Structures are given as structure tokens and as C-alpha cells.
C-alpha atoms as a PDB file:
ATOM      1  CA  UNK A   1      35.165  36.900   2.319  1.00  0.00           C
ATOM      2  CA  UNK A   2      35.699  36.366   6.053  1.00  0.00           C
ATOM      3  CA  UNK A   3      37.176  32.869   5.718  1.00  0.00           C
ATOM      4  CA  UNK A   4      34.757  31.547   8.340  1.00  0.00           C
ATOM      5  CA  UNK A   5      32.928  28.279   7.824  1.00  0.00           C
ATOM      6  CA  UNK A   6      29.231  28.763   7.185  1.00  0.00           C
ATOM      7  CA  UNK A   7      27.363  26.409   9.490  1.00  0.00           C
ATOM      8  CA  UNK A   8      23.764  25.875   8.338  1.00  0.00           C
ATOM      9  CA  UNK A   9      21.011  26.767  10.766  1.00  0.00           C
ATOM     10  CA  UNK A  10      19.519  23.784  12.572  1.00  0.00           C
ATOM     11  CA  UNK A  11      15.957  22.773  12.001  1.00  0.00           C
ATOM     12  CA  UNK A  12      14.076  21.494  15.026  1.00  0.00           C
ATOM     13  CA  UNK A  13      11.844  18.456  15.329  1.00  0.00           C
ATOM     14  CA  UNK A  14       9.600  18.399  18.391  1.00  0.00           C
ATOM     15  CA  UNK A  15       8.172  14.920  18.913  1.00  0.00           C
ATOM     16  CA  UNK A  16       5.259  13.789  21.033  1.00  0.00           C
ATOM     17  CA  UNK A  17       5.886  12.221  24.487  1.00  0.00           C
ATOM     18  CA  UNK A  18       4.333   8.970  23.194  1.00  0.00           C
ATOM     19  CA  UNK A  19       7.291   8.739  20.796  1.00  0.00           C
ATOM     20  CA  UNK A  20      10.282   9.162  23.161  1.00  0.00           C
ATOM     21  CA  UNK A  21      13.831   9.071  21.836  1.00  0.00           C
ATOM     22  CA  UNK A  22      17.063   8.379  23.685  1.00  0.00           C
ATOM     23  CA  UNK A  23      19.454   9.638  21.030  1.00  0.00           C
ATOM     24  CA  UNK A  24      22.647   8.751  22.890  1.00  0.00           C
ATOM     25  CA  UNK A  25      21.527   5.158  23.509  1.00  0.00           C
ATOM     26  CA  UNK A  26      20.269   4.809  19.940  1.00  0.00           C
ATOM     27  CA  UNK A  27      23.470   5.962  18.252  1.00  0.00           C
ATOM     28  CA  UNK A  28      25.934   4.326  20.668  1.00  0.00           C
ATOM     29  CA  UNK A  29      24.427   0.890  21.308  1.00  0.00           C
ATOM     30  CA  UNK A  30      26.382  -0.914  18.599  1.00  0.00           C
ATOM     31  CA  UNK A  31      23.867  -0.988  15.753  1.00  0.00           C
ATOM     32  CA  UNK A  32      25.638   1.808  13.818  1.00  0.00           C
ATOM     33  CA  UNK A  33      29.277   2.523  12.987  1.00  0.00           C
ATOM     34  CA  UNK A  34      29.400   5.919  11.239  1.00  0.00           C
ATOM     35  CA  UNK A  35      28.192   8.262  13.985  1.00  0.00           C
ATOM     36  CA  UNK A  36      30.522  10.235  16.264  1.00  0.00           C
ATOM     37  CA  UNK A  37      29.666  12.554  19.126  1.00  0.00           C
ATOM     38  CA  UNK A  38      31.477  15.836  19.648  1.00  0.00           C
ATOM     39  CA  UNK A  39      30.256  17.773  22.653  1.00  0.00           C
ATOM     40  CA  UNK A  40      26.457  17.616  22.554  1.00  0.00           C
ATOM     41  CA  UNK A  41      26.238  16.954  18.814  1.00  0.00           C
ATOM     42  CA  UNK A  42      26.237  13.706  16.888  1.00  0.00           C
ATOM     43  CA  UNK A  43      27.504  13.727  13.316  1.00  0.00           C
ATOM     44  CA  UNK A  44      27.063  10.839  10.889  1.00  0.00           C
ATOM     45  CA  UNK A  45      27.084   9.980   7.209  1.00  0.00           C
ATOM     46  CA  UNK A  46      23.725   8.574   6.128  1.00  0.00           C
ATOM     47  CA  UNK A  47      22.279   8.119   2.652  1.00  0.00           C
ATOM     48  CA  UNK A  48      25.141  10.090   1.090  1.00  0.00           C
ATOM     49  CA  UNK A  49      24.658  13.078   3.417  1.00  0.00           C
ATOM     50  CA  UNK A  50      26.416  14.432   6.476  1.00  0.00           C
ATOM     51  CA  UNK A  51      23.786  14.770   9.195  1.00  0.00           C
ATOM     52  CA  UNK A  52      24.137  16.476  12.571  1.00  0.00           C
ATOM     53  CA  UNK A  53      21.817  15.799  15.516  1.00  0.00           C
ATOM     54  CA  UNK A  54      21.484  17.317  18.974  1.00  0.00           C
ATOM     55  CA  UNK A  55      18.812  16.404  21.526  1.00  0.00           C
ATOM     56  CA  UNK A  56      17.328  18.608  24.216  1.00  0.00           C
ATOM     57  CA  UNK A  57      14.394  16.838  25.849  1.00  0.00           C
ATOM     58  CA  UNK A  58      11.712  16.350  23.207  1.00  0.00           C
ATOM     59  CA  UNK A  59      13.461  18.763  20.843  1.00  0.00           C
ATOM     60  CA  UNK A  60      15.793  17.335  18.215  1.00  0.00           C
ATOM     61  CA  UNK A  61      17.913  19.869  16.330  1.00  0.00           C
ATOM     62  CA  UNK A  62      19.236  18.634  12.994  1.00  0.00           C
ATOM     63  CA  UNK A  63      20.958  19.604   9.765  1.00  0.00           C
ATOM     64  CA  UNK A  64      21.610  17.729   6.541  1.00  0.00           C
ATOM     65  CA  UNK A  65      18.254  16.006   6.055  1.00  0.00           C
ATOM     66  CA  UNK A  66      14.518  16.563   6.054  1.00  0.00           C
ATOM     67  CA  UNK A  67      12.233  16.064   9.038  1.00  0.00           C
ATOM     68  CA  UNK A  68      10.440  13.260   7.201  1.00  0.00           C
ATOM     69  CA  UNK A  69      13.732  11.426   6.615  1.00  0.00           C
ATOM     70  CA  UNK A  70      14.698  11.779  10.273  1.00  0.00           C
ATOM     71  CA  UNK A  71      11.354  10.473  11.533  1.00  0.00           C
ATOM     72  CA  UNK A  72      11.659   7.419   9.324  1.00  0.00           C
ATOM     73  CA  UNK A  73      15.361   6.833   9.987  1.00  0.00           C
ATOM     74  CA  UNK A  74      14.986   6.989  13.779  1.00  0.00           C
ATOM     75  CA  UNK A  75      11.754   4.932  13.735  1.00  0.00           C
ATOM     76  CA  UNK A  76       9.869   7.831  15.334  1.00  0.00           C
ATOM     77  CA  UNK A  77       6.763   6.951  13.332  1.00  0.00           C
ATOM     78  CA  UNK A  78       5.964   4.123  15.760  1.00  0.00           C
ATOM     79  CA  UNK A  79       4.765   4.799  19.302  1.00  0.00           C
ATOM     80  CA  UNK A  80       6.946   3.263  21.994  1.00  0.00           C
ATOM     81  CA  UNK A  81       3.887   1.683  23.618  1.00  0.00           C
ATOM     82  CA  UNK A  82       3.366  -0.435  20.505  1.00  0.00           C
ATOM     83  CA  UNK A  83       6.980  -1.616  20.664  1.00  0.00           C
ATOM     84  CA  UNK A  84       7.250  -2.182  24.403  1.00  0.00           C
ATOM     85  CA  UNK A  85       3.939  -4.015  24.606  1.00  0.00           C
ATOM     86  CA  UNK A  86       5.407  -6.407  22.051  1.00  0.00           C
ATOM     87  CA  UNK A  87       7.998  -7.699  24.502  1.00  0.00           C
ATOM     88  CA  UNK A  88       7.546  -6.409  28.053  1.00  0.00           C
ATOM     89  CA  UNK A  89       6.314  -8.869  30.611  1.00  0.00           C
ATOM     90  CA  UNK A  90       9.212 -10.056  32.743  1.00  0.00           C
ATOM     91  CA  UNK A  91      11.132  -7.991  35.322  1.00  0.00           C
ATOM     92  CA  UNK A  92      14.468  -8.126  33.474  1.00  0.00           C
ATOM     93  CA  UNK A  93      13.349  -6.533  30.249  1.00  0.00           C
ATOM     94  CA  UNK A  94      10.996  -4.184  32.098  1.00  0.00           C
ATOM     95  CA  UNK A  95      13.974  -2.899  34.107  1.00  0.00           C
ATOM     96  CA  UNK A  96      16.046  -2.448  30.935  1.00  0.00           C
ATOM     97  CA  UNK A  97      13.269  -0.404  29.326  1.00  0.00           C
ATOM     98  CA  UNK A  98      12.941   1.709  32.463  1.00  0.00           C
ATOM     99  CA  UNK A  99      16.654   2.487  32.418  1.00  0.00           C
ATOM    100  CA  UNK A 100      17.135   3.006  28.654  1.00  0.00           C
ATOM    101  CA  UNK A 101      13.721   4.276  27.607  1.00  0.00           C
ATOM    102  CA  UNK A 102      13.538   5.701  24.109  1.00  0.00           C
ATOM    103  CA  UNK A 103      16.167   3.487  22.483  1.00  0.00           C
ATOM    104  CA  UNK A 104      15.248   3.117  18.816  1.00  0.00           C
ATOM    105  CA  UNK A 105      16.341   0.658  16.157  1.00  0.00           C
ATOM    106  CA  UNK A 106      17.432   2.799  13.236  1.00  0.00           C
ATOM    107  CA  UNK A 107      16.228   1.982   9.722  1.00  0.00           C
ATOM    108  CA  UNK A 108      19.491   1.327   7.929  1.00  0.00           C
ATOM    109  CA  UNK A 109      20.067   0.871   4.219  1.00  0.00           C
ATOM    110  CA  UNK A 110      20.137  -2.920   3.611  1.00  0.00           C
ATOM    111  CA  UNK A 111      23.225  -2.803   1.397  1.00  0.00           C
ATOM    112  CA  UNK A 112      25.313  -0.711   3.787  1.00  0.00           C
ATOM    113  CA  UNK A 113      24.065  -2.786   6.711  1.00  0.00           C
ATOM    114  CA  UNK A 114      25.020  -6.047   5.006  1.00  0.00           C
ATOM    115  CA  UNK A 115      28.595  -5.001   4.213  1.00  0.00           C
ATOM    116  CA  UNK A 116      29.000  -3.375   7.637  1.00  0.00           C
ATOM    117  CA  UNK A 117      28.031  -6.557   9.452  1.00  0.00           C
ATOM    118  CA  UNK A 118      30.324  -8.721   7.339  1.00  0.00           C
ATOM    119  CA  UNK A 119      33.046  -6.344   8.579  1.00  0.00           C
ATOM    120  CA  UNK A 120      31.726  -6.626  12.146  1.00  0.00           C
ATOM    121  CA  UNK A 121      32.498 -10.330  12.514  1.00  0.00           C
ATOM    122  CA  UNK A 122      35.036 -10.960  15.290  1.00  0.00           C
ATOM    123  CA  UNK A 123      35.910  -7.274  15.590  1.00  0.00           C
ATOM    124  CA  UNK A 124      35.445  -4.474  18.112  1.00  0.00           C
ATOM    125  CA  UNK A 125      33.676  -1.242  17.225  1.00  0.00           C
ATOM    126  CA  UNK A 126      36.814   0.895  16.589  1.00  0.00           C
ATOM    127  CA  UNK A 127      38.145  -1.757  14.189  1.00  0.00           C
ATOM    128  CA  UNK A 128      34.748  -2.120  12.469  1.00  0.00           C
ATOM    129  CA  UNK A 129      34.549   1.648  12.051  1.00  0.00           C
ATOM    130  CA  UNK A 130      38.051   1.766  10.574  1.00  0.00           C
ATOM    131  CA  UNK A 131      37.291  -0.992   8.052  1.00  0.00           C
ATOM    132  CA  UNK A 132      34.085   0.725   6.937  1.00  0.00           C
ATOM    133  CA  UNK A 133      35.756   4.120   6.620  1.00  0.00           C
ATOM    134  CA  UNK A 134      38.538   2.537   4.559  1.00  0.00           C
ATOM    135  CA  UNK A 135      35.964   1.074   2.148  1.00  0.00           C
ATOM    136  CA  UNK A 136      34.179   4.423   1.925  1.00  0.00           C
ATOM    137  CA  UNK A 137      37.439   6.258   1.230  1.00  0.00           C
ATOM    138  CA  UNK A 138      38.383   3.702  -1.436  1.00  0.00           C
ATOM    139  CA  UNK A 139      35.122   3.720  -3.396  1.00  0.00           C
ATOM    140  CA  UNK A 140      32.689   6.226  -1.900  1.00  0.00           C
ATOM    141  CA  UNK A 141      31.776   9.691  -3.131  1.00  0.00           C
ATOM    142  CA  UNK A 142      33.463  12.542  -1.196  1.00  0.00           C
ATOM    143  CA  UNK A 143      31.118  14.846   0.738  1.00  0.00           C
ATOM    144  CA  UNK A 144      32.037  18.190   2.265  1.00  0.00           C
ATOM    145  CA  UNK A 145      30.740  18.472   5.835  1.00  0.00           C
ATOM    146  CA  UNK A 146      29.527  21.806   7.268  1.00  0.00           C
ATOM    147  CA  UNK A 147      32.889  22.254   9.038  1.00  0.00           C
ATOM    148  CA  UNK A 148      34.666  21.832   5.658  1.00  0.00           C
ATOM    149  CA  UNK A 149      36.063  18.410   6.525  1.00  0.00           C
ATOM    150  CA  UNK A 150      35.670  15.697   3.885  1.00  0.00           C
ATOM    151  CA  UNK A 151      33.609  12.607   4.614  1.00  0.00           C
ATOM    152  CA  UNK A 152      32.757   9.807   2.211  1.00  0.00           C
ATOM    153  CA  UNK A 153      29.420   8.296   1.270  1.00  0.00           C
ATOM    154  CA  UNK A 154      29.067   4.564   1.609  1.00  0.00           C
ATOM    155  CA  UNK A 155      29.974   3.131  -1.821  1.00  0.00           C
ATOM    156  CA  UNK A 156      27.248   1.753  -4.024  1.00  0.00           C
ATOM    157  CA  UNK A 157      27.475  -1.943  -4.959  1.00  0.00           C
ATOM    158  CA  UNK A 158      28.528  -0.917  -8.467  1.00  0.00           C
ATOM    159  CA  UNK A 159      31.298   1.369  -7.164  1.00  0.00           C
ATOM    160  CA  UNK A 160      32.596  -1.192  -4.686  1.00  0.00           C
ATOM    161  CA  UNK A 161      32.506  -3.883  -7.391  1.00  0.00           C
ATOM    162  CA  UNK A 162      35.067  -1.905  -9.401  1.00  0.00           C
ATOM    163  CA  UNK A 163      37.694  -2.620  -6.741  1.00  0.00           C
ATOM    164  CA  UNK A 164      39.878  -5.661  -7.192  1.00  0.00           C
ATOM    165  CA  UNK A 165      40.271  -8.198  -4.408  1.00  0.00           C
ATOM    166  CA  UNK A 166      43.720  -6.768  -3.666  1.00  0.00           C
ATOM    167  CA  UNK A 167      42.296  -3.247  -3.401  1.00  0.00           C
ATOM    168  CA  UNK A 168      39.666  -4.506  -0.981  1.00  0.00           C
ATOM    169  CA  UNK A 169      42.370  -6.307   0.992  1.00  0.00           C
ATOM    170  CA  UNK A 170      44.115  -2.941   1.191  1.00  0.00           C
ATOM    171  CA  UNK A 171      41.196  -1.678   3.315  1.00  0.00           C
ATOM    172  CA  UNK A 172      42.529  -3.807   6.214  1.00  0.00           C
ATOM    173  CA  UNK A 173      39.617  -6.255   6.096  1.00  0.00           C
ATOM    174  CA  UNK A 174      41.661  -9.392   6.736  1.00  0.00           C
ATOM    175  CA  UNK A 175      39.817 -12.641   6.042  1.00  0.00           C
ATOM    176  CA  UNK A 176      36.627 -10.664   5.320  1.00  0.00           C
ATOM    177  CA  UNK A 177      37.998  -9.249   2.043  1.00  0.00           C
ATOM    178  CA  UNK A 178      37.123 -12.236  -0.208  1.00  0.00           C
ATOM    179  CA  UNK A 179      33.632 -12.403   1.290  1.00  0.00           C
ATOM    180  CA  UNK A 180      33.007  -8.729   0.594  1.00  0.00           C
ATOM    181  CA  UNK A 181      34.493  -9.003  -2.891  1.00  0.00           C
ATOM    182  CA  UNK A 182      32.249 -11.945  -3.860  1.00  0.00           C
ATOM    183  CA  UNK A 183      29.097 -10.646  -2.158  1.00  0.00           C
ATOM    184  CA  UNK A 184      29.533  -7.211  -3.729  1.00  0.00           C
ATOM    185  CA  UNK A 185      29.826  -8.751  -7.194  1.00  0.00           C
ATOM    186  CA  UNK A 186      26.658 -10.802  -6.641  1.00  0.00           C
ATOM    187  CA  UNK A 187      24.630  -7.814  -5.427  1.00  0.00           C
ATOM    188  CA  UNK A 188      25.946  -5.425  -8.101  1.00  0.00           C
ATOM    189  CA  UNK A 189      24.643  -7.903 -10.687  1.00  0.00           C
ATOM    190  CA  UNK A 190      21.247  -8.188  -8.969  1.00  0.00           C
ATOM    191  CA  UNK A 191      19.739  -4.731  -8.286  1.00  0.00           C
ATOM    192  CA  UNK A 192      16.434  -6.198  -7.075  1.00  0.00           C
ATOM    193  CA  UNK A 193      17.998  -8.276  -4.299  1.00  0.00           C
ATOM    194  CA  UNK A 194      16.876  -6.127  -1.370  1.00  0.00           C
ATOM    195  CA  UNK A 195      13.222  -5.814  -2.361  1.00  0.00           C
ATOM    196  CA  UNK A 196      13.071  -9.519  -3.036  1.00  0.00           C
ATOM    197  CA  UNK A 197      14.421 -10.343   0.445  1.00  0.00           C
ATOM    198  CA  UNK A 198      12.198  -7.736   2.102  1.00  0.00           C
ATOM    199  CA  UNK A 199       9.083  -9.466   0.740  1.00  0.00           C
ATOM    200  CA  UNK A 200      10.070 -12.918   1.963  1.00  0.00           C
ATOM    201  CA  UNK A 201       8.797 -14.433   5.230  1.00  0.00           C
ATOM    202  CA  UNK A 202      11.382 -14.177   7.990  1.00  0.00           C
ATOM    203  CA  UNK A 203      12.908 -17.658   7.834  1.00  0.00           C
ATOM    204  CA  UNK A 204      13.085 -17.595   4.038  1.00  0.00           C
ATOM    205  CA  UNK A 205      14.732 -14.176   4.115  1.00  0.00           C
ATOM    206  CA  UNK A 206      17.230 -15.500   6.643  1.00  0.00           C
ATOM    207  CA  UNK A 207      18.146 -18.414   4.373  1.00  0.00           C
ATOM    208  CA  UNK A 208      18.401 -16.127   1.348  1.00  0.00           C
ATOM    209  CA  UNK A 209      20.900 -13.856   3.107  1.00  0.00           C
ATOM    210  CA  UNK A 210      23.017 -16.793   4.203  1.00  0.00           C
ATOM    211  CA  UNK A 211      23.462 -17.764   0.560  1.00  0.00           C
ATOM    212  CA  UNK A 212      25.840 -14.802   0.166  1.00  0.00           C
ATOM    213  CA  UNK A 213      29.534 -15.427   0.951  1.00  0.00           C
ATOM    214  CA  UNK A 214      30.514 -14.444   4.484  1.00  0.00           C
ATOM    215  CA  UNK A 215      27.004 -14.337   5.929  1.00  0.00           C
ATOM    216  CA  UNK A 216      26.247 -16.777   8.705  1.00  0.00           C
ATOM    217  CA  UNK A 217      23.319 -16.848  11.150  1.00  0.00           C
ATOM    218  CA  UNK A 218      24.398 -13.880  13.294  1.00  0.00           C
ATOM    219  CA  UNK A 219      25.187 -11.569  10.371  1.00  0.00           C
ATOM    220  CA  UNK A 220      21.904 -12.542   8.702  1.00  0.00           C
ATOM    221  CA  UNK A 221      19.981 -11.800  11.907  1.00  0.00           C
ATOM    222  CA  UNK A 222      21.672  -8.399  12.274  1.00  0.00           C
ATOM    223  CA  UNK A 223      20.947  -7.453   8.659  1.00  0.00           C
ATOM    224  CA  UNK A 224      17.312  -8.545   8.938  1.00  0.00           C
ATOM    225  CA  UNK A 225      16.853  -6.546  12.137  1.00  0.00           C
ATOM    226  CA  UNK A 226      18.699  -3.347  11.241  1.00  0.00           C
ATOM    227  CA  UNK A 227      18.493  -3.329   7.452  1.00  0.00           C
ATOM    228  CA  UNK A 228      15.107  -4.908   6.749  1.00  0.00           C
ATOM    229  CA  UNK A 229      13.154  -3.966   9.905  1.00  0.00           C
ATOM    230  CA  UNK A 230      12.221  -7.571  10.624  1.00  0.00           C
ATOM    231  CA  UNK A 231      11.922  -6.917  14.338  1.00  0.00           C
ATOM    232  CA  UNK A 232      11.425 -10.549  15.302  1.00  0.00           C
ATOM    233  CA  UNK A 233      15.097 -11.117  14.490  1.00  0.00           C
ATOM    234  CA  UNK A 234      17.267 -11.827  17.549  1.00  0.00           C
ATOM    235  CA  UNK A 235      21.041 -11.724  16.895  1.00  0.00           C
ATOM    236  CA  UNK A 236      23.121 -13.624  19.454  1.00  0.00           C
ATOM    237  CA  UNK A 237      26.638 -12.427  20.263  1.00  0.00           C
ATOM    238  CA  UNK A 238      28.812 -13.210  23.289  1.00  0.00           C
ATOM    239  CA  UNK A 239      27.088 -10.552  25.411  1.00  0.00           C
ATOM    240  CA  UNK A 240      23.556 -11.624  24.538  1.00  0.00           C
ATOM    241  CA  UNK A 241      24.495 -15.258  25.060  1.00  0.00           C
ATOM    242  CA  UNK A 242      25.781 -14.455  28.559  1.00  0.00           C
ATOM    243  CA  UNK A 243      22.722 -12.348  29.397  1.00  0.00           C
ATOM    244  CA  UNK A 244      20.264 -14.960  28.160  1.00  0.00           C
ATOM    245  CA  UNK A 245      22.026 -17.591  30.266  1.00  0.00           C
ATOM    246  CA  UNK A 246      22.064 -15.481  33.432  1.00  0.00           C
ATOM    247  CA  UNK A 247      18.550 -14.106  33.155  1.00  0.00           C
ATOM    248  CA  UNK A 248      16.673 -16.911  31.440  1.00  0.00           C
ATOM    249  CA  UNK A 249      18.799 -20.011  32.022  1.00  0.00           C
ATOM    250  CA  UNK A 250      19.259 -20.853  28.375  1.00  0.00           C
ATOM    251  CA  UNK A 251      22.576 -21.778  26.768  1.00  0.00           C
ATOM    252  CA  UNK A 252      25.978 -22.403  28.311  1.00  0.00           C
ATOM    253  CA  UNK A 253      28.535 -19.599  27.870  1.00  0.00           C
ATOM    254  CA  UNK A 254      31.281 -21.823  29.299  1.00  0.00           C
ATOM    255  CA  UNK A 255      31.349 -23.799  26.047  1.00  0.00           C
ATOM    256  CA  UNK A 256      31.790 -22.847  22.403  1.00  0.00           C
ATOM    257  CA  UNK A 257      28.649 -21.476  20.782  1.00  0.00           C
ATOM    258  CA  UNK A 258      27.412 -24.188  18.429  1.00  0.00           C
ATOM    259  CA  UNK A 259      24.860 -23.620  15.646  1.00  0.00           C
ATOM    260  CA  UNK A 260      22.383 -25.712  17.662  1.00  0.00           C
ATOM    261  CA  UNK A 261      22.756 -23.537  20.766  1.00  0.00           C
ATOM    262  CA  UNK A 262      22.503 -20.345  18.718  1.00  0.00           C
ATOM    263  CA  UNK A 263      19.254 -21.701  17.302  1.00  0.00           C
ATOM    264  CA  UNK A 264      17.880 -22.566  20.764  1.00  0.00           C
ATOM    265  CA  UNK A 265      18.621 -19.090  22.101  1.00  0.00           C
ATOM    266  CA  UNK A 266      17.099 -17.195  19.200  1.00  0.00           C
ATOM    267  CA  UNK A 267      14.015 -19.443  19.048  1.00  0.00           C
ATOM    268  CA  UNK A 268      13.467 -19.054  22.808  1.00  0.00           C
ATOM    269  CA  UNK A 269      13.821 -15.268  22.509  1.00  0.00           C
ATOM    270  CA  UNK A 270      11.405 -15.020  19.602  1.00  0.00           C
ATOM    271  CA  UNK A 271       8.803 -17.016  21.498  1.00  0.00           C
ATOM    272  CA  UNK A 272       9.406 -15.240  24.810  1.00  0.00           C
ATOM    273  CA  UNK A 273       9.653 -11.650  23.544  1.00  0.00           C
ATOM    274  CA  UNK A 274       7.329 -11.843  20.549  1.00  0.00           C
ATOM    275  CA  UNK A 275       7.244  -9.724  17.374  1.00  0.00           C
ATOM    276  CA  UNK A 276       9.645  -7.093  18.752  1.00  0.00           C
ATOM    277  CA  UNK A 277      12.246  -9.577  20.033  1.00  0.00           C
ATOM    278  CA  UNK A 278      14.957  -7.571  18.269  1.00  0.00           C
ATOM    279  CA  UNK A 279      14.075  -4.493  20.292  1.00  0.00           C
ATOM    280  CA  UNK A 280      14.274  -6.570  23.473  1.00  0.00           C
ATOM    281  CA  UNK A 281      17.730  -7.688  22.377  1.00  0.00           C
ATOM    282  CA  UNK A 282      18.894  -4.092  21.927  1.00  0.00           C
ATOM    283  CA  UNK A 283      17.573  -3.060  25.340  1.00  0.00           C
ATOM    284  CA  UNK A 284      19.327  -5.995  27.019  1.00  0.00           C
ATOM    285  CA  UNK A 285      22.527  -5.218  25.120  1.00  0.00           C
ATOM    286  CA  UNK A 286      22.339  -1.563  26.173  1.00  0.00           C
ATOM    287  CA  UNK A 287      22.474  -2.546  29.858  1.00  0.00           C
ATOM    288  CA  UNK A 288      24.931  -5.419  29.326  1.00  0.00           C
ATOM    289  CA  UNK A 289      27.576  -4.069  31.681  1.00  0.00           C
ATOM    290  CA  UNK A 290      25.114  -4.506  34.571  1.00  0.00           C
ATOM    291  CA  UNK A 291      25.570  -8.236  34.179  1.00  0.00           C
ATOM    292  CA  UNK A 292      29.302  -8.320  33.508  1.00  0.00           C
ATOM    293  CA  UNK A 293      30.386  -8.978  37.100  1.00  0.00           C
ATOM    294  CA  UNK A 294      27.403 -10.901  38.394  1.00  0.00           C
END
């Protein structure tokens, strides 16, 4: 025995130019919370596996999953032309696509996405990441990474439901703990919840999600976009609200965001950007700092 860590050989996915991928933008634009970049390599925990990714042009080196899983997860089975033609048409979004071409909305697990975005309310990304990792450590299955470090799978609803409210509070969730405790219990008792919501028309699915404790309009829109691939969904946060005001003259960021204004912004965006409004939102969010000092 040499004592050295055995690092598995990377497989390589070479994708067609019609299916471009901007891996850095995709994994760092705020839709995901369990990916970290070290050097040129991203490492994340997905579907109970530790996955490593490294991009070099149209070559994507990977370990920990199959090529078919990666294509589906990164939404590489849809040509970018089909996505962009669903929302391009004004100079603002056209410029964002030019600058951040290849950004993809990842197909997340609905359950993990739902709990993650309850955690994400009124929190920055480092705090969201810490809350999620605490939940995974408390109830998730341990996984040995290729470098022999231990990561944790996202807990199943049944595993998370075994935690008491006080144990969930111990994950530093603050006011979110009772919401997660109650929502977890409801979902653990209803294994068909995700497929039922997936089959619903968009507005009905949105209402169904908001019936769970701790899920308001923004969380529901995020879960529908990232967890259920309902790409017409348009979540509105403080950045998107500011951008939509500056670029499209809708809303007033000088005042508190009311439910009525949230509704106006998302309805305008869905009509203006079309069936891939959620992709337009991610592209605008990715270039948000361009508008910060305007």
C-alpha cells in the first residue's frame, strides 16, 4: 500500500457547438448551493454522489456520474437556439446572452430544491450553503469523496422527518426551522407529491407549492423553475426587481415589494420573454453587477 489517494480517471463529454455550456456561469449564478470550485475543477454532491467537473472548451471532463446523467442534469439535451429564441428580442437580454452565452438551468431534484429555497429566504449564499450542509450532516448519508474527504447526501424526506424540531433548529435555520419541519412531515407522508405537481398547469402548480408551510410566491417560482423545469417561471428578488425597473420601467425598488408588484413584474416578464422567461431571468441575474451603479 502506498497510502496515496486513488483518484478515478475522468471521462470526457464532447458536446456539439449548438449546445454550448458555460460551466462557471451555470454553477455560480445562484441556482445551486452545493458546488465548490478548486482550481479548474468543480466538485458537488448531486443525487447522492460526489461529482467533479472540469471544462476545456467543448470538452467536459467528469467523474462520479454517467454521461447520460450529466447531459440531463446540465440541460445539454436542448439546443441553445431553442432556448434563446424563446426570449431574445430586446437589446438588454440580447447583450446578456452575448456576454454569458452557455448558461444553463440545471435540472435539480424537486425535494432538495424545495428545502434549499426555504433555507434561501432572506439569506446570502454562504449562509444558505451552511444551513444546507448542516441539514445534510444531521440526516444525510455520508459519502467518501475521491480525495477521501467525507461529504453528505441530501437527506431524504423520510430521513429528515426523523429529526425533531429542536434538532432542526440546531442546524442554524432560525425562523425557517418550523417551516422545514412541517413541510418535511407533509412530504414524507405523501411520496407522490412531486409527480402530482409536475403534471399540473403552471399556475395550479404554483398554488399547490404555496400550500406548504414556508413557501411564498418567490420560493414557489424558484422551485418550479429549478426543480420542475417549468421555464416560464420568473422569480423576483431584489436584484431582478432593480433590473426590471431600470431596463423595462416596471416596479418601484424605492418602496417595499408588495404581492401586487411582485405579480406585475412576473406577469410582465412572462409575457415579454415568453416560454423561457426563467432563462431570461438567469441571464439578467448573471450580469446584475453591470446595473449596480447605474
